[in-house]
Protein backbone atom coordinates (compact mmCIF):
# COMPACT_ATOMS: atom_id res chain seq x y z
CA UNK A 1 -11.45 1.01 7.35
CA UNK A 2 -8.67 -0.69 4.95
CA UNK A 3 -9.70 -2.77 1.95
CA UNK A 4 -8.39 -6.29 1.01
CA UNK A 5 -8.80 -8.87 -2.03
CA UNK A 6 -7.77 -12.34 -1.86
CA UNK A 7 -6.19 -14.01 -5.48
CA UNK A 8 -5.30 -17.61 -4.88
CA UNK A 9 -6.79 -20.63 -7.19
CA UNK A 10 -7.24 -22.85 -3.78
CA UNK A 11 -10.27 -22.54 -1.79
CA UNK A 12 -8.81 -23.49 1.78
CA UNK A 13 -5.98 -21.16 1.58
CA UNK A 14 -8.45 -18.32 0.72
CA UNK A 15 -10.89 -19.32 3.39
CA UNK A 16 -7.86 -19.25 5.59
CA UNK A 17 -6.70 -15.74 4.67
CA UNK A 18 -10.39 -13.96 4.95
CA UNK A 19 -10.81 -16.03 8.12
CA UNK A 20 -7.63 -14.26 9.81
CA UNK A 21 -9.02 -11.18 8.28
CA UNK A 22 -12.48 -11.11 10.17
CA UNK A 23 -10.31 -11.21 13.35
CA UNK A 24 -9.32 -7.63 12.49
CA UNK A 25 -10.99 -4.65 12.88
CA UNK A 26 -9.60 -2.31 10.94
CA UNK A 27 -9.04 -3.84 7.36
CA UNK A 28 -11.82 -6.46 5.81
CA UNK A 29 -11.57 -8.19 2.65
CA UNK A 30 -13.93 -7.18 -0.62
CA UNK A 31 -13.33 -9.93 -2.88
CA UNK A 32 -11.61 -12.92 -3.74
CA UNK A 33 -10.74 -14.61 -7.13
CA UNK A 34 -9.72 -18.05 -8.37
CA UNK A 35 -7.96 -16.99 -11.44
CA UNK A 36 -5.65 -14.43 -12.71
CA UNK A 37 -8.41 -12.91 -15.24
CA UNK A 38 -11.02 -12.86 -12.52
CA UNK A 39 -8.04 -11.25 -10.19
CA UNK A 40 -7.71 -8.53 -12.51
CA UNK A 41 -11.22 -7.69 -12.92
CA UNK A 42 -11.53 -7.51 -8.93
CA UNK A 43 -8.51 -5.58 -8.76
CA UNK A 44 -9.70 -2.49 -10.99
CA UNK A 45 -13.24 -2.91 -9.85
CA UNK A 46 -12.53 -2.92 -6.57
CA UNK A 47 -9.39 -0.94 -5.59
CA UNK A 48 -8.30 -2.12 -2.93
CA UNK A 49 -6.09 -1.00 -0.29
CA UNK A 50 -4.15 -4.85 -0.15
CA UNK A 51 -3.52 -7.64 -2.51
CA UNK A 52 -2.98 -11.01 -1.19
CA UNK A 53 -1.56 -12.69 -4.48
CA UNK A 54 -0.24 -16.29 -5.15
CA UNK A 55 1.85 -16.42 -7.84
CA UNK A 56 1.18 -19.87 -9.58
CA UNK A 57 -2.82 -19.28 -10.75
CA UNK A 58 -4.51 -20.58 -14.05
CA UNK A 59 -5.23 -17.82 -16.73
CA UNK A 60 -2.25 -15.77 -15.70
CA UNK A 61 0.65 -15.90 -12.63
CA UNK A 62 0.69 -13.78 -10.63
CA UNK A 63 3.02 -12.14 -11.72
CA UNK A 64 1.81 -11.36 -15.73
CA UNK A 65 -1.35 -10.12 -13.62
CA UNK A 66 0.50 -7.59 -12.22
CA UNK A 67 1.35 -6.76 -15.54
CA UNK A 68 -2.26 -5.79 -16.33
CA UNK A 69 -3.60 -4.07 -13.28
CA UNK A 70 -4.51 -0.47 -13.40
CA UNK A 71 -4.95 0.38 -9.55
CA UNK A 72 -2.08 -0.06 -7.27
CA UNK A 73 -2.66 -1.68 -3.86
CA UNK A 74 0.15 -2.84 -1.48
CA UNK A 75 1.35 -6.24 -2.54
CA UNK A 76 1.80 -9.30 -0.53
CA UNK A 77 2.60 -12.84 -1.97
CA UNK A 78 1.06 -15.91 -0.70
CA UNK A 79 2.81 -19.50 -2.11
CA UNK A 80 3.78 -22.71 -1.39
CA UNK A 81 7.04 -21.76 -3.60
CA UNK A 82 10.02 -20.67 -1.44
CA UNK A 83 12.13 -19.94 -4.94
CA UNK A 84 10.14 -16.74 -5.39
CA UNK A 85 11.56 -14.64 -2.73
CA UNK A 86 13.75 -12.84 -5.42
CA UNK A 87 11.24 -12.18 -7.24
CA UNK A 88 10.03 -10.60 -4.13
CA UNK A 89 12.31 -8.40 -3.77
CA UNK A 90 12.14 -7.61 -7.39
CA UNK A 91 8.93 -6.48 -7.46
CA UNK A 92 9.23 -4.88 -3.94
CA UNK A 93 6.23 -6.79 -2.29
CA UNK A 94 5.83 -5.51 1.18
CA UNK A 95 5.55 -8.73 2.37
CA UNK A 96 5.84 -12.89 1.59
CA UNK A 97 3.76 -15.25 3.48
CA UNK A 98 5.27 -18.91 2.88
CA UNK A 99 2.15 -21.51 3.03
CA UNK A 100 1.39 -22.92 5.35
CA UNK A 101 1.41 -19.98 7.68
CA UNK A 102 -0.23 -19.39 10.83
CA UNK A 103 -2.24 -16.88 12.82
CA UNK A 104 0.53 -15.35 14.33
CA UNK A 105 2.99 -14.95 11.30
CA UNK A 106 -0.16 -13.42 9.42
CA UNK A 107 -0.51 -10.73 12.10
CA UNK A 108 3.32 -9.57 11.59
CA UNK A 109 2.49 -9.45 8.19
CA UNK A 110 -0.85 -7.16 9.22
CA UNK A 111 1.30 -4.59 11.19
CA UNK A 112 3.44 -4.04 8.26
CA UNK A 113 0.65 -3.51 6.36
CA UNK A 114 -0.71 -1.19 8.42
CA UNK A 115 2.62 0.98 8.96
CA UNK A 116 2.80 1.08 5.31
CA UNK A 117 -0.76 2.21 4.66
CA UNK A 118 -0.11 4.93 7.36
CA UNK A 119 3.09 6.39 5.54
CA UNK A 120 0.91 6.27 2.06
CA UNK A 121 -1.43 8.06 3.89
CA UNK A 122 0.98 11.08 5.61
CA UNK A 123 2.69 10.91 1.68
CA UNK A 124 -0.66 11.70 0.10
CA UNK A 125 -1.06 8.57 -2.18
CA UNK A 126 -1.25 5.35 -2.35
CA UNK A 127 2.29 4.05 -3.91
CA UNK A 128 2.68 0.24 -3.78
CA UNK A 129 3.84 -2.66 -5.00
CA UNK A 130 2.08 -2.80 -8.33
CA UNK A 131 3.38 0.42 -9.47
CA UNK A 132 6.87 -0.94 -8.18
CA UNK A 133 6.46 -4.18 -10.11
CA UNK A 134 5.93 -1.95 -13.49
CA UNK A 135 9.52 -0.59 -13.09
CA UNK A 136 10.60 -2.44 -9.93
CA UNK A 137 14.82 -1.87 -9.78
CA UNK A 138 14.19 1.76 -11.86
CA UNK A 139 11.85 2.94 -8.59
CA UNK A 140 13.35 5.82 -7.15
CA UNK A 141 12.15 5.35 -3.83
CA UNK A 142 14.77 2.90 -1.87
CA UNK A 143 14.55 -0.74 -1.14
CA UNK A 144 12.95 -0.81 2.84
CA UNK A 145 13.20 -4.69 3.16
CA UNK A 146 13.83 -8.32 1.53
CA UNK A 147 13.10 -11.66 1.84
CA UNK A 148 15.57 -14.61 2.62
CA UNK A 149 15.54 -17.59 3.20
CA UNK A 150 16.50 -19.31 6.94
CA UNK A 151 16.03 -22.45 8.23
CA UNK A 152 13.36 -23.25 5.68
CA UNK A 153 11.13 -20.28 6.13
CA UNK A 154 11.01 -17.22 4.44
CA UNK A 155 12.06 -14.34 6.54
CA UNK A 156 11.63 -10.41 5.86
CA UNK A 157 15.17 -8.20 6.67
CA UNK A 158 14.65 -4.64 7.38
CA UNK A 159 17.21 -3.14 5.11
CA UNK A 160 17.75 -0.36 8.04
CA UNK A 161 19.72 -3.51 10.14
CA UNK A 162 22.10 -4.63 7.26
CA UNK A 163 25.31 -3.49 8.10
CA UNK A 164 26.67 -4.48 4.74
CA UNK A 165 26.53 -6.76 1.55
CA UNK A 166 29.28 -8.91 0.72
CA UNK A 167 29.24 -10.79 -2.79
CA UNK A 168 30.23 -14.40 -2.37
CA UNK A 169 30.61 -16.46 -5.51
CA UNK A 170 26.77 -16.38 -7.00
CA UNK A 171 25.27 -15.47 -3.72
CA UNK A 172 25.22 -12.08 -1.57
CA UNK A 173 25.98 -12.58 2.44
CA UNK A 174 23.96 -10.16 4.06
CA UNK A 175 25.09 -9.10 7.61
CA UNK A 176 23.41 -8.12 10.56
CA UNK A 177 24.71 -7.32 13.81
CA UNK A 178 26.37 -10.97 14.58
CA UNK A 179 24.23 -12.53 11.97
CA UNK A 180 24.19 -13.71 8.19
CA UNK A 181 21.83 -14.90 5.52
CA UNK A 182 22.90 -15.81 2.26
CA UNK A 183 20.76 -14.92 -0.73
CA UNK A 184 20.33 -15.89 -4.35
CA UNK A 185 20.83 -12.20 -5.35
CA UNK A 186 23.26 -9.95 -7.53
CA UNK A 187 25.16 -6.89 -6.15
CA UNK A 188 24.36 -4.31 -9.02
CA UNK A 189 20.38 -4.76 -8.52
CA UNK A 190 21.19 -4.14 -4.78
CA UNK A 191 23.59 -0.91 -5.43
CA UNK A 192 20.74 0.21 -7.87
CA UNK A 193 18.19 -0.13 -4.75
CA UNK A 194 19.60 0.83 -2.10
CA UNK A 195 19.01 4.59 -0.40
CA UNK A 196 22.71 5.95 -1.24
CA UNK A 197 22.39 8.79 1.36
CA UNK A 198 23.07 5.15 3.23
CA UNK A 199 24.27 2.51 1.88
CA UNK A 200 27.94 3.15 -0.13
CA UNK A 201 29.20 0.59 -2.68
CA UNK A 202 32.66 0.68 -1.73
CA UNK A 203 34.02 -2.24 -3.78
CA UNK A 204 32.89 -4.80 -6.31
CA UNK A 205 32.21 -7.13 -3.72
CA UNK A 206 30.95 -4.88 -0.73
CA UNK A 207 28.21 -2.39 0.13
CA UNK A 208 28.46 -0.92 3.45
CA UNK A 209 25.72 0.94 5.35
CA UNK A 210 27.25 4.06 6.06
CA UNK A 211 25.36 4.06 9.55
CA UNK A 212 27.49 0.99 10.75
CA UNK A 213 30.61 2.38 9.99
CA UNK A 214 33.05 2.92 13.14
CA UNK A 215 35.97 4.30 11.49
CA UNK A 216 37.38 5.28 7.86
CA UNK A 217 41.29 5.52 7.88
CA UNK A 218 43.51 6.43 5.34
CA UNK A 219 46.14 3.87 3.56
CA UNK A 220 49.70 4.71 1.83
CA UNK A 221 47.98 2.78 -1.06
CA UNK A 222 45.72 6.00 -1.41
CA UNK A 223 42.82 3.81 -0.62
CA UNK A 224 40.76 4.16 2.39
CA UNK A 225 40.06 1.45 4.72
CA UNK A 226 37.03 1.10 6.83
CA UNK A 227 36.32 -0.45 9.88
CA UNK A 228 32.68 -1.71 11.11
CA UNK A 229 31.23 -1.75 14.12
CA UNK A 230 31.74 -5.46 14.69
CA UNK A 231 35.33 -5.25 14.05
CA UNK A 232 35.40 -6.06 10.24
CA UNK A 233 37.81 -4.39 8.17
CA UNK A 234 38.34 -3.98 4.47
CA UNK A 235 39.56 -1.43 2.00
CA UNK A 236 37.29 0.81 -0.09
CA UNK A 237 38.57 0.79 -4.24
CA UNK A 238 40.16 4.29 -5.22
CA UNK A 239 37.25 4.95 -7.20
CA UNK A 240 34.82 4.86 -4.02
CA UNK A 241 37.69 6.33 -1.77
CA UNK A 242 37.41 9.28 -3.85
CA UNK A 243 33.52 9.23 -3.46
CA UNK A 244 34.19 9.39 0.56
CA UNK A 245 36.96 11.53 0.32
CA UNK A 246 34.13 14.23 -1.16
CA UNK A 247 31.56 13.15 1.66
CA UNK A 248 34.06 14.15 4.44
CA UNK A 249 32.73 17.39 6.11
């Protein structure tokens, strides 16, 4: 059975989380902490599989707490503040629960947790949010999901569903099929975090998922023109065009 710890300075959210966990038969809460220092001690002692972590807590913030953990549980942020969505991306949190959240949203999170723990078991070890937090963007494993604001909510987006990322002024447009989301991210951070076998930064303003490329054609300028499945066309830079040519069989 999986084991979880709840770290939140508010009593009612802790009770709500524990109640939701009690409804599930494959995971149990092994402890609660109401401040950052107590949470560090609890996590290091109990060594849980999962940590539900509020970001704003007395003593130590959730971010500061992560730096002091010796054990490495899977990380789920629980917070009333949506401005930390980018932080969740940088720390590779598994999910981001924006308070108040209901049972249905919580169950969706638990399904992601179960999938993640099963993957860790198959891989022979627990590789999780806290380990990633210590050097998140230098992590060798590619990013699997990120969190964006959408109509007043924080929603997770599976990286495999993203066709391309496009720089737009101070934001990045995340294109998924017929939809797109704007996020306050940096293209350079994304470029370092994505799977290089699947994603390629073809231009300063575009990172494409090669699985969504319909065709690549040479142009008289020496550059390559990419056509995406949705019909979008754009040119790769000369340097990236050379890299694409090298990938051709």
